[in-house]
């Protein structure tokens, strides 16, 4: 009880009155996770469901896409196959490699013990290189995203990163390598596209289905820092096959309803991925300036 009071005091000292909201939200998430097996809070679930149904109602998509999306939403994760041409991947990788080499202002480098463990670039909507990156949004990708959301969508961000091997004995969450969910929006989806052939040795992402996530939450999962009673569940999930595939391969999942973690590449190997985050919308918006109707 004393430790809990100290935690509350520290939260209030850092965030002020906002800490009350944060505390209530976190408590609601934990209650929801134990009762329903869903890591998002009740209000977050209601908000995400209402938004998705609202856009599906005012801007309906073809029936064949809707039925396909039901399967994806039920599982929470779906592989899409190799749906981006290798020549498109090569052009995107050229931009990334050039910026890494010149230490561009958009590059974020993470180091542990003096060792580079990841390089990340978020392509902003006013970035001159964005048109190159947007070529990843092929017709197949767009249809898959519309099917999943049962609505049109807008892109929140395009981010590309390269993960390296971690130093021996490193057990902290360096680049989302511990089991976690991302945040509040349950109507948010992520599209991952491989920038090269990815094998298990490259440390592919492991994604739990919604059923597996419910199992971990009901076992007592608290956070990426504290697995609590779910440690045995994660020991089993760590044995799952990670996401692998050839260059241009893609998969989609809901990061706020499916527990997931990044794998760690073997020494001497790296893994490079392009991530696209989308939310429901009246129109398909690939950027703030480009609208497809």
C-alpha atoms as a PDB file:
ATOM      1  CA  UNK A   1       0.000   0.000   0.000  1.00  0.00           C
ATOM      2  CA  UNK A   2       2.826   2.347   0.844  1.00  0.00           C
ATOM      3  CA  UNK A   3       4.517   1.687  -2.539  1.00  0.00           C
ATOM      4  CA  UNK A   4       1.206   2.280  -4.316  1.00  0.00           C
ATOM      5  CA  UNK A   5       0.788   5.638  -2.549  1.00  0.00           C
ATOM      6  CA  UNK A   6       4.305   6.647  -3.567  1.00  0.00           C
ATOM      7  CA  UNK A   7       3.549   5.739  -7.193  1.00  0.00           C
ATOM      8  CA  UNK A   8       0.375   7.845  -7.136  1.00  0.00           C
ATOM      9  CA  UNK A   9       2.265  10.792  -5.613  1.00  0.00           C
ATOM     10  CA  UNK A  10       5.008  10.599  -8.261  1.00  0.00           C
ATOM     11  CA  UNK A  11       2.381  10.427 -11.006  1.00  0.00           C
ATOM     12  CA  UNK A  12       0.592  13.507  -9.650  1.00  0.00           C
ATOM     13  CA  UNK A  13       3.856  15.436  -9.217  1.00  0.00           C
ATOM     14  CA  UNK A  14       4.865  14.821 -12.853  1.00  0.00           C
ATOM     15  CA  UNK A  15       1.482  15.085 -14.602  1.00  0.00           C
ATOM     16  CA  UNK A  16      -0.620  17.193 -12.218  1.00  0.00           C
ATOM     17  CA  UNK A  17      -4.403  16.824 -12.467  1.00  0.00           C
ATOM     18  CA  UNK A  18      -3.949  14.761 -15.636  1.00  0.00           C
ATOM     19  CA  UNK A  19      -2.552  12.040 -13.403  1.00  0.00           C
ATOM     20  CA  UNK A  20      -6.051  11.369 -12.023  1.00  0.00           C
ATOM     21  CA  UNK A  21      -7.316  10.610 -15.516  1.00  0.00           C
ATOM     22  CA  UNK A  22      -4.246   8.477 -16.282  1.00  0.00           C
ATOM     23  CA  UNK A  23      -4.690   6.511 -13.075  1.00  0.00           C
ATOM     24  CA  UNK A  24      -8.403   5.867 -13.670  1.00  0.00           C
ATOM     25  CA  UNK A  25      -7.720   4.870 -17.279  1.00  0.00           C
ATOM     26  CA  UNK A  26      -5.005   2.442 -16.238  1.00  0.00           C
ATOM     27  CA  UNK A  27      -7.224   0.913 -13.549  1.00  0.00           C
ATOM     28  CA  UNK A  28     -10.042   0.477 -16.070  1.00  0.00           C
ATOM     29  CA  UNK A  29      -7.675  -1.251 -18.497  1.00  0.00           C
ATOM     30  CA  UNK A  30      -6.548  -3.724 -15.849  1.00  0.00           C
ATOM     31  CA  UNK A  31     -10.141  -4.475 -14.835  1.00  0.00           C
ATOM     32  CA  UNK A  32     -11.126  -4.940 -18.478  1.00  0.00           C
ATOM     33  CA  UNK A  33      -8.161  -7.224 -19.118  1.00  0.00           C
ATOM     34  CA  UNK A  34      -9.010  -9.502 -16.196  1.00  0.00           C
ATOM     35  CA  UNK A  35     -12.771  -9.611 -16.863  1.00  0.00           C
ATOM     36  CA  UNK A  36     -12.885  -9.716 -20.670  1.00  0.00           C
ATOM     37  CA  UNK A  37      -9.357 -10.684 -21.698  1.00  0.00           C
ATOM     38  CA  UNK A  38      -9.115  -7.509 -23.808  1.00  0.00           C
ATOM     39  CA  UNK A  39      -6.144  -5.220 -22.992  1.00  0.00           C
ATOM     40  CA  UNK A  40      -8.023  -2.017 -23.892  1.00  0.00           C
ATOM     41  CA  UNK A  41     -10.407  -0.336 -21.444  1.00  0.00           C
ATOM     42  CA  UNK A  42     -14.200  -0.498 -21.792  1.00  0.00           C
ATOM     43  CA  UNK A  43     -14.479   3.118 -22.966  1.00  0.00           C
ATOM     44  CA  UNK A  44     -11.618   2.623 -25.434  1.00  0.00           C
ATOM     45  CA  UNK A  45     -13.360  -0.437 -26.876  1.00  0.00           C
ATOM     46  CA  UNK A  46     -16.664   1.447 -27.164  1.00  0.00           C
ATOM     47  CA  UNK A  47     -14.978   4.402 -28.835  1.00  0.00           C
ATOM     48  CA  UNK A  48     -13.125   2.243 -31.375  1.00  0.00           C
ATOM     49  CA  UNK A  49     -16.236   0.209 -32.239  1.00  0.00           C
ATOM     50  CA  UNK A  50     -18.445   3.286 -32.667  1.00  0.00           C
ATOM     51  CA  UNK A  51     -15.930   5.058 -34.893  1.00  0.00           C
ATOM     52  CA  UNK A  52     -15.500   2.017 -37.143  1.00  0.00           C
ATOM     53  CA  UNK A  53     -19.254   1.436 -37.486  1.00  0.00           C
ATOM     54  CA  UNK A  54     -19.898   5.136 -38.108  1.00  0.00           C
ATOM     55  CA  UNK A  55     -17.537   5.301 -41.074  1.00  0.00           C
ATOM     56  CA  UNK A  56     -18.744   1.928 -42.363  1.00  0.00           C
ATOM     57  CA  UNK A  57     -22.284   3.353 -42.342  1.00  0.00           C
ATOM     58  CA  UNK A  58     -21.609   6.715 -44.035  1.00  0.00           C
ATOM     59  CA  UNK A  59     -19.101   5.372 -46.588  1.00  0.00           C
ATOM     60  CA  UNK A  60     -19.914   1.662 -47.169  1.00  0.00           C
ATOM     61  CA  UNK A  61     -17.461  -0.563 -49.041  1.00  0.00           C
ATOM     62  CA  UNK A  62     -18.269  -3.527 -51.351  1.00  0.00           C
ATOM     63  CA  UNK A  63     -19.710  -6.645 -49.692  1.00  0.00           C
ATOM     64  CA  UNK A  64     -16.856  -8.927 -50.763  1.00  0.00           C
ATOM     65  CA  UNK A  65     -14.383  -6.716 -48.899  1.00  0.00           C
ATOM     66  CA  UNK A  66     -16.602  -6.628 -45.798  1.00  0.00           C
ATOM     67  CA  UNK A  67     -16.797 -10.408 -45.505  1.00  0.00           C
ATOM     68  CA  UNK A  68     -13.026 -10.713 -45.908  1.00  0.00           C
ATOM     69  CA  UNK A  69     -12.481  -8.187 -43.125  1.00  0.00           C
ATOM     70  CA  UNK A  70     -14.590 -10.137 -40.620  1.00  0.00           C
ATOM     71  CA  UNK A  71     -12.043 -12.948 -40.539  1.00  0.00           C
ATOM     72  CA  UNK A  72      -9.140 -10.535 -40.024  1.00  0.00           C
ATOM     73  CA  UNK A  73     -10.899  -8.673 -37.201  1.00  0.00           C
ATOM     74  CA  UNK A  74     -11.845 -11.923 -35.435  1.00  0.00           C
ATOM     75  CA  UNK A  75      -8.238 -13.159 -35.387  1.00  0.00           C
ATOM     76  CA  UNK A  76      -6.689  -9.686 -35.057  1.00  0.00           C
ATOM     77  CA  UNK A  77      -3.816 -10.557 -37.399  1.00  0.00           C
ATOM     78  CA  UNK A  78      -3.619 -11.645 -41.038  1.00  0.00           C
ATOM     79  CA  UNK A  79      -0.830 -12.237 -43.547  1.00  0.00           C
ATOM     80  CA  UNK A  80      -1.356 -10.627 -46.951  1.00  0.00           C
ATOM     81  CA  UNK A  81       1.387 -12.369 -48.907  1.00  0.00           C
ATOM     82  CA  UNK A  82       3.889 -10.715 -51.245  1.00  0.00           C
ATOM     83  CA  UNK A  83       1.873  -7.730 -52.453  1.00  0.00           C
ATOM     84  CA  UNK A  84       4.516  -5.038 -52.992  1.00  0.00           C
ATOM     85  CA  UNK A  85       6.791  -5.209 -56.033  1.00  0.00           C
ATOM     86  CA  UNK A  86      10.514  -5.604 -55.375  1.00  0.00           C
ATOM     87  CA  UNK A  87      11.331  -2.558 -57.506  1.00  0.00           C
ATOM     88  CA  UNK A  88       9.148  -0.406 -55.221  1.00  0.00           C
ATOM     89  CA  UNK A  89      10.908  -1.840 -52.163  1.00  0.00           C
ATOM     90  CA  UNK A  90      14.309  -1.054 -53.701  1.00  0.00           C
ATOM     91  CA  UNK A  91      13.358   2.607 -54.251  1.00  0.00           C
ATOM     92  CA  UNK A  92      12.149   2.990 -50.668  1.00  0.00           C
ATOM     93  CA  UNK A  93      15.270   1.286 -49.299  1.00  0.00           C
ATOM     94  CA  UNK A  94      17.489   3.625 -51.338  1.00  0.00           C
ATOM     95  CA  UNK A  95      15.947   6.634 -49.579  1.00  0.00           C
ATOM     96  CA  UNK A  96      16.360   4.994 -46.173  1.00  0.00           C
ATOM     97  CA  UNK A  97      19.987   3.956 -46.723  1.00  0.00           C
ATOM     98  CA  UNK A  98      20.937   7.408 -48.024  1.00  0.00           C
ATOM     99  CA  UNK A  99      19.491   9.091 -44.945  1.00  0.00           C
ATOM    100  CA  UNK A 100      21.203   6.652 -42.601  1.00  0.00           C
ATOM    101  CA  UNK A 101      24.530   7.226 -44.366  1.00  0.00           C
ATOM    102  CA  UNK A 102      24.251  11.035 -44.192  1.00  0.00           C
ATOM    103  CA  UNK A 103      22.768  11.022 -40.642  1.00  0.00           C
ATOM    104  CA  UNK A 104      19.721  12.926 -41.882  1.00  0.00           C
ATOM    105  CA  UNK A 105      17.748  15.031 -39.378  1.00  0.00           C
ATOM    106  CA  UNK A 106      14.806  12.607 -39.659  1.00  0.00           C
ATOM    107  CA  UNK A 107      16.961   9.684 -38.467  1.00  0.00           C
ATOM    108  CA  UNK A 108      16.648   8.459 -34.871  1.00  0.00           C
ATOM    109  CA  UNK A 109      19.426   6.138 -33.683  1.00  0.00           C
ATOM    110  CA  UNK A 110      19.064   4.043 -30.519  1.00  0.00           C
ATOM    111  CA  UNK A 111      22.207   2.805 -28.793  1.00  0.00           C
ATOM    112  CA  UNK A 112      22.772   0.432 -25.861  1.00  0.00           C
ATOM    113  CA  UNK A 113      26.198   0.345 -24.295  1.00  0.00           C
ATOM    114  CA  UNK A 114      27.688   2.248 -27.234  1.00  0.00           C
ATOM    115  CA  UNK A 115      26.234  -0.272 -29.712  1.00  0.00           C
ATOM    116  CA  UNK A 116      23.680   0.805 -32.347  1.00  0.00           C
ATOM    117  CA  UNK A 117      20.587  -1.356 -31.920  1.00  0.00           C
ATOM    118  CA  UNK A 118      18.074   0.439 -34.154  1.00  0.00           C
ATOM    119  CA  UNK A 119      17.723   3.169 -36.778  1.00  0.00           C
ATOM    120  CA  UNK A 120      14.301   4.721 -37.340  1.00  0.00           C
ATOM    121  CA  UNK A 121      12.876   7.273 -39.776  1.00  0.00           C
ATOM    122  CA  UNK A 122       9.312   8.606 -39.713  1.00  0.00           C
ATOM    123  CA  UNK A 123       8.399  10.134 -43.065  1.00  0.00           C
ATOM    124  CA  UNK A 124       6.346  13.238 -42.283  1.00  0.00           C
ATOM    125  CA  UNK A 125       3.579  14.347 -44.636  1.00  0.00           C
ATOM    126  CA  UNK A 126       5.644  17.318 -45.868  1.00  0.00           C
ATOM    127  CA  UNK A 127       8.710  15.112 -46.443  1.00  0.00           C
ATOM    128  CA  UNK A 128       9.906  15.374 -50.081  1.00  0.00           C
ATOM    129  CA  UNK A 129      10.614  11.618 -50.039  1.00  0.00           C
ATOM    130  CA  UNK A 130       7.036  10.730 -49.072  1.00  0.00           C
ATOM    131  CA  UNK A 131       5.818  10.082 -52.663  1.00  0.00           C
ATOM    132  CA  UNK A 132       8.443   7.342 -52.954  1.00  0.00           C
ATOM    133  CA  UNK A 133       7.354   5.725 -49.686  1.00  0.00           C
ATOM    134  CA  UNK A 134       3.654   5.987 -50.631  1.00  0.00           C
ATOM    135  CA  UNK A 135       4.252   3.655 -53.562  1.00  0.00           C
ATOM    136  CA  UNK A 136       3.884   0.852 -51.021  1.00  0.00           C
ATOM    137  CA  UNK A 137       0.124   1.562 -51.014  1.00  0.00           C
ATOM    138  CA  UNK A 138      -0.696  -0.718 -53.935  1.00  0.00           C
ATOM    139  CA  UNK A 139      -4.260  -1.590 -54.927  1.00  0.00           C
ATOM    140  CA  UNK A 140      -3.983  -4.890 -53.022  1.00  0.00           C
ATOM    141  CA  UNK A 141      -2.770  -3.105 -49.890  1.00  0.00           C
ATOM    142  CA  UNK A 142      -5.575  -0.528 -50.085  1.00  0.00           C
ATOM    143  CA  UNK A 143      -8.242  -3.219 -50.525  1.00  0.00           C
ATOM    144  CA  UNK A 144      -6.839  -5.234 -47.596  1.00  0.00           C
ATOM    145  CA  UNK A 145      -6.946  -2.184 -45.315  1.00  0.00           C
ATOM    146  CA  UNK A 146     -10.479  -1.254 -46.393  1.00  0.00           C
ATOM    147  CA  UNK A 147     -11.610  -4.828 -45.786  1.00  0.00           C
ATOM    148  CA  UNK A 148     -10.087  -4.912 -42.325  1.00  0.00           C
ATOM    149  CA  UNK A 149     -11.672  -1.649 -41.188  1.00  0.00           C
ATOM    150  CA  UNK A 150     -14.948  -2.212 -43.116  1.00  0.00           C
ATOM    151  CA  UNK A 151     -14.497   1.412 -44.112  1.00  0.00           C
ATOM    152  CA  UNK A 152     -12.208   3.754 -45.945  1.00  0.00           C
ATOM    153  CA  UNK A 153      -9.183   4.980 -44.061  1.00  0.00           C
ATOM    154  CA  UNK A 154      -6.542   7.632 -43.619  1.00  0.00           C
ATOM    155  CA  UNK A 155      -2.858   7.047 -42.997  1.00  0.00           C
ATOM    156  CA  UNK A 156      -1.580   8.291 -39.642  1.00  0.00           C
ATOM    157  CA  UNK A 157       2.114   7.703 -40.301  1.00  0.00           C
ATOM    158  CA  UNK A 158       4.787   5.974 -42.383  1.00  0.00           C
ATOM    159  CA  UNK A 159       7.753   4.750 -40.329  1.00  0.00           C
ATOM    160  CA  UNK A 160      10.731   2.639 -41.366  1.00  0.00           C
ATOM    161  CA  UNK A 161      13.263   1.060 -39.060  1.00  0.00           C
ATOM    162  CA  UNK A 162      16.168  -1.351 -38.937  1.00  0.00           C
ATOM    163  CA  UNK A 163      16.731  -3.466 -35.814  1.00  0.00           C
ATOM    164  CA  UNK A 164      20.116  -4.932 -34.918  1.00  0.00           C
ATOM    165  CA  UNK A 165      21.169  -7.626 -32.475  1.00  0.00           C
ATOM    166  CA  UNK A 166      21.061  -6.626 -28.781  1.00  0.00           C
ATOM    167  CA  UNK A 167      24.064  -6.791 -26.430  1.00  0.00           C
ATOM    168  CA  UNK A 168      24.429 -10.061 -24.538  1.00  0.00           C
ATOM    169  CA  UNK A 169      22.275 -10.158 -21.417  1.00  0.00           C
ATOM    170  CA  UNK A 170      20.105  -7.168 -22.412  1.00  0.00           C
ATOM    171  CA  UNK A 171      16.613  -7.817 -21.006  1.00  0.00           C
ATOM    172  CA  UNK A 172      15.064  -4.335 -21.158  1.00  0.00           C
ATOM    173  CA  UNK A 173      12.447  -3.224 -23.663  1.00  0.00           C
ATOM    174  CA  UNK A 174      14.766  -1.584 -26.209  1.00  0.00           C
ATOM    175  CA  UNK A 175      12.753  -1.689 -29.433  1.00  0.00           C
ATOM    176  CA  UNK A 176       9.428  -3.209 -28.334  1.00  0.00           C
ATOM    177  CA  UNK A 177      11.079  -6.603 -27.865  1.00  0.00           C
ATOM    178  CA  UNK A 178       8.884  -7.398 -24.837  1.00  0.00           C
ATOM    179  CA  UNK A 179       5.224  -8.427 -25.059  1.00  0.00           C
ATOM    180  CA  UNK A 180       2.956  -5.382 -25.183  1.00  0.00           C
ATOM    181  CA  UNK A 181      -0.021  -3.634 -26.738  1.00  0.00           C
ATOM    182  CA  UNK A 182       0.425  -0.159 -28.173  1.00  0.00           C
ATOM    183  CA  UNK A 183      -2.179   2.223 -26.786  1.00  0.00           C
ATOM    184  CA  UNK A 184      -5.807   3.281 -26.671  1.00  0.00           C
ATOM    185  CA  UNK A 185      -7.315   3.253 -30.173  1.00  0.00           C
ATOM    186  CA  UNK A 186      -8.859  -0.169 -30.821  1.00  0.00           C
ATOM    187  CA  UNK A 187      -9.832   0.869 -34.371  1.00  0.00           C
ATOM    188  CA  UNK A 188      -6.177   1.438 -35.314  1.00  0.00           C
ATOM    189  CA  UNK A 189      -4.355  -1.061 -37.531  1.00  0.00           C
ATOM    190  CA  UNK A 190      -0.737  -1.505 -38.530  1.00  0.00           C
ATOM    191  CA  UNK A 191       0.589  -2.727 -41.851  1.00  0.00           C
ATOM    192  CA  UNK A 192       4.129  -4.161 -41.841  1.00  0.00           C
ATOM    193  CA  UNK A 193       6.006  -4.616 -45.131  1.00  0.00           C
ATOM    194  CA  UNK A 194       9.333  -6.491 -45.314  1.00  0.00           C
ATOM    195  CA  UNK A 195      12.142  -4.554 -46.991  1.00  0.00           C
ATOM    196  CA  UNK A 196      14.142  -7.762 -47.582  1.00  0.00           C
ATOM    197  CA  UNK A 197      13.709 -11.521 -47.220  1.00  0.00           C
ATOM    198  CA  UNK A 198      12.999 -12.176 -43.527  1.00  0.00           C
ATOM    199  CA  UNK A 199      13.772 -15.518 -41.864  1.00  0.00           C
ATOM    200  CA  UNK A 200      13.502 -16.489 -38.167  1.00  0.00           C
ATOM    201  CA  UNK A 201      17.180 -15.526 -37.809  1.00  0.00           C
ATOM    202  CA  UNK A 202      16.241 -11.906 -38.651  1.00  0.00           C
ATOM    203  CA  UNK A 203      14.049 -11.675 -35.556  1.00  0.00           C
ATOM    204  CA  UNK A 204      10.596 -11.331 -37.054  1.00  0.00           C
ATOM    205  CA  UNK A 205       7.710  -9.949 -34.988  1.00  0.00           C
ATOM    206  CA  UNK A 206       5.649 -12.460 -33.001  1.00  0.00           C
ATOM    207  CA  UNK A 207       1.926 -11.574 -32.884  1.00  0.00           C
ATOM    208  CA  UNK A 208      -0.564 -13.264 -30.562  1.00  0.00           C
ATOM    209  CA  UNK A 209      -4.063 -13.764 -31.891  1.00  0.00           C
ATOM    210  CA  UNK A 210      -6.941 -12.159 -30.018  1.00  0.00           C
ATOM    211  CA  UNK A 211      -7.706 -15.541 -28.403  1.00  0.00           C
ATOM    212  CA  UNK A 212      -4.098 -15.890 -27.216  1.00  0.00           C
ATOM    213  CA  UNK A 213      -4.140 -12.306 -25.971  1.00  0.00           C
ATOM    214  CA  UNK A 214      -7.260 -13.016 -23.901  1.00  0.00           C
ATOM    215  CA  UNK A 215      -5.472 -16.007 -22.381  1.00  0.00           C
ATOM    216  CA  UNK A 216      -2.509 -13.836 -21.306  1.00  0.00           C
ATOM    217  CA  UNK A 217      -4.703 -11.040 -19.937  1.00  0.00           C
ATOM    218  CA  UNK A 218      -6.818 -13.420 -17.876  1.00  0.00           C
ATOM    219  CA  UNK A 219      -3.640 -14.999 -16.524  1.00  0.00           C
ATOM    220  CA  UNK A 220      -2.731 -11.609 -15.024  1.00  0.00           C
ATOM    221  CA  UNK A 221      -0.630  -9.750 -17.653  1.00  0.00           C
ATOM    222  CA  UNK A 222       0.034  -6.177 -16.485  1.00  0.00           C
ATOM    223  CA  UNK A 223       2.516  -4.493 -18.822  1.00  0.00           C
ATOM    224  CA  UNK A 224       5.603  -4.973 -20.961  1.00  0.00           C
ATOM    225  CA  UNK A 225       7.670  -4.442 -17.806  1.00  0.00           C
ATOM    226  CA  UNK A 226       5.616  -6.785 -15.629  1.00  0.00           C
ATOM    227  CA  UNK A 227       4.227 -10.034 -17.064  1.00  0.00           C
ATOM    228  CA  UNK A 228       2.976 -11.027 -13.583  1.00  0.00           C
ATOM    229  CA  UNK A 229       0.952 -14.252 -13.728  1.00  0.00           C
ATOM    230  CA  UNK A 230       1.199 -14.475 -17.534  1.00  0.00           C
ATOM    231  CA  UNK A 231       4.878 -15.483 -17.634  1.00  0.00           C
ATOM    232  CA  UNK A 232       4.001 -19.112 -18.374  1.00  0.00           C
ATOM    233  CA  UNK A 233       1.687 -18.031 -21.205  1.00  0.00           C
ATOM    234  CA  UNK A 234       4.454 -15.974 -22.797  1.00  0.00           C
ATOM    235  CA  UNK A 235       6.917 -18.822 -22.490  1.00  0.00           C
ATOM    236  CA  UNK A 236       4.526 -20.768 -24.707  1.00  0.00           C
ATOM    237  CA  UNK A 237       3.883 -17.834 -27.076  1.00  0.00           C
ATOM    238  CA  UNK A 238       7.630 -17.267 -27.488  1.00  0.00           C
ATOM    239  CA  UNK A 239       7.667 -20.641 -29.238  1.00  0.00           C
ATOM    240  CA  UNK A 240       5.258 -19.396 -31.922  1.00  0.00           C
ATOM    241  CA  UNK A 241       6.548 -18.853 -35.446  1.00  0.00           C
ATOM    242  CA  UNK A 242       7.512 -15.232 -36.006  1.00  0.00           C
ATOM    243  CA  UNK A 243       6.396 -13.274 -39.074  1.00  0.00           C
ATOM    244  CA  UNK A 244       8.681 -14.238 -41.957  1.00  0.00           C
ATOM    245  CA  UNK A 245       8.510 -13.996 -45.710  1.00  0.00           C
ATOM    246  CA  UNK A 246      10.153 -12.714 -48.881  1.00  0.00           C
ATOM    247  CA  UNK A 247      10.878  -9.124 -49.796  1.00  0.00           C
ATOM    248  CA  UNK A 248       7.597  -7.248 -50.324  1.00  0.00           C
ATOM    249  CA  UNK A 249       5.670  -9.569 -47.987  1.00  0.00           C
ATOM    250  CA  UNK A 250       3.112  -7.857 -45.725  1.00  0.00           C
ATOM    251  CA  UNK A 251       0.806  -8.505 -42.802  1.00  0.00           C
ATOM    252  CA  UNK A 252      -1.744  -6.473 -40.882  1.00  0.00           C
ATOM    253  CA  UNK A 253      -2.846  -6.558 -37.249  1.00  0.00           C
ATOM    254  CA  UNK A 254      -4.530  -4.519 -34.547  1.00  0.00           C
ATOM    255  CA  UNK A 255      -1.752  -3.496 -32.127  1.00  0.00           C
ATOM    256  CA  UNK A 256      -4.103  -2.508 -29.328  1.00  0.00           C
ATOM    257  CA  UNK A 257      -6.002  -5.800 -29.190  1.00  0.00           C
ATOM    258  CA  UNK A 258      -3.202  -8.250 -29.978  1.00  0.00           C
ATOM    259  CA  UNK A 259      -0.150  -8.659 -27.760  1.00  0.00           C
ATOM    260  CA  UNK A 260       3.019  -8.677 -29.828  1.00  0.00           C
ATOM    261  CA  UNK A 261       6.764  -8.223 -29.585  1.00  0.00           C
ATOM    262  CA  UNK A 262       9.723  -7.681 -31.878  1.00  0.00           C
ATOM    263  CA  UNK A 263      12.142 -10.555 -32.277  1.00  0.00           C
ATOM    264  CA  UNK A 264      15.882  -9.977 -31.857  1.00  0.00           C
ATOM    265  CA  UNK A 265      18.066 -10.624 -34.938  1.00  0.00           C
ATOM    266  CA  UNK A 266      20.961 -13.013 -34.636  1.00  0.00           C
ATOM    267  CA  UNK A 267      24.388 -11.430 -34.397  1.00  0.00           C
ATOM    268  CA  UNK A 268      25.500 -10.060 -37.765  1.00  0.00           C
ATOM    269  CA  UNK A 269      21.923  -9.792 -39.103  1.00  0.00           C
ATOM    270  CA  UNK A 270      19.385  -6.952 -39.146  1.00  0.00           C
ATOM    271  CA  UNK A 271      15.663  -6.620 -39.915  1.00  0.00           C
ATOM    272  CA  UNK A 272      14.261  -3.676 -41.889  1.00  0.00           C
ATOM    273  CA  UNK A 273      10.513  -3.026 -42.007  1.00  0.00           C
ATOM    274  CA  UNK A 274       8.182  -0.293 -43.240  1.00  0.00           C
ATOM    275  CA  UNK A 275       5.179   0.303 -40.973  1.00  0.00           C
ATOM    276  CA  UNK A 276       1.986   2.102 -42.021  1.00  0.00           C
ATOM    277  CA  UNK A 277      -0.567   3.058 -39.331  1.00  0.00           C
ATOM    278  CA  UNK A 278      -4.180   3.651 -40.416  1.00  0.00           C
ATOM    279  CA  UNK A 279      -7.491   4.711 -38.855  1.00  0.00           C
ATOM    280  CA  UNK A 280     -11.062   4.674 -40.260  1.00  0.00           C
ATOM    281  CA  UNK A 281     -12.111   7.657 -42.386  1.00  0.00           C
ATOM    282  CA  UNK A 282     -14.792   8.896 -44.772  1.00  0.00           C
ATOM    283  CA  UNK A 283     -12.178   8.951 -47.551  1.00  0.00           C
ATOM    284  CA  UNK A 284      -8.977   7.082 -48.257  1.00  0.00           C
ATOM    285  CA  UNK A 285      -6.263   9.590 -47.428  1.00  0.00           C
ATOM    286  CA  UNK A 286      -2.698   8.580 -48.151  1.00  0.00           C
ATOM    287  CA  UNK A 287      -1.456  11.897 -46.790  1.00  0.00           C
ATOM    288  CA  UNK A 288      -2.878  15.217 -45.669  1.00  0.00           C
ATOM    289  CA  UNK A 289      -2.620  16.460 -49.237  1.00  0.00           C
ATOM    290  CA  UNK A 290      -3.532  13.410 -51.331  1.00  0.00           C
ATOM    291  CA  UNK A 291      -7.069  12.037 -51.315  1.00  0.00           C
ATOM    292  CA  UNK A 292      -8.248   9.023 -53.310  1.00  0.00           C
ATOM    293  CA  UNK A 293     -12.050   8.956 -53.848  1.00  0.00           C
END
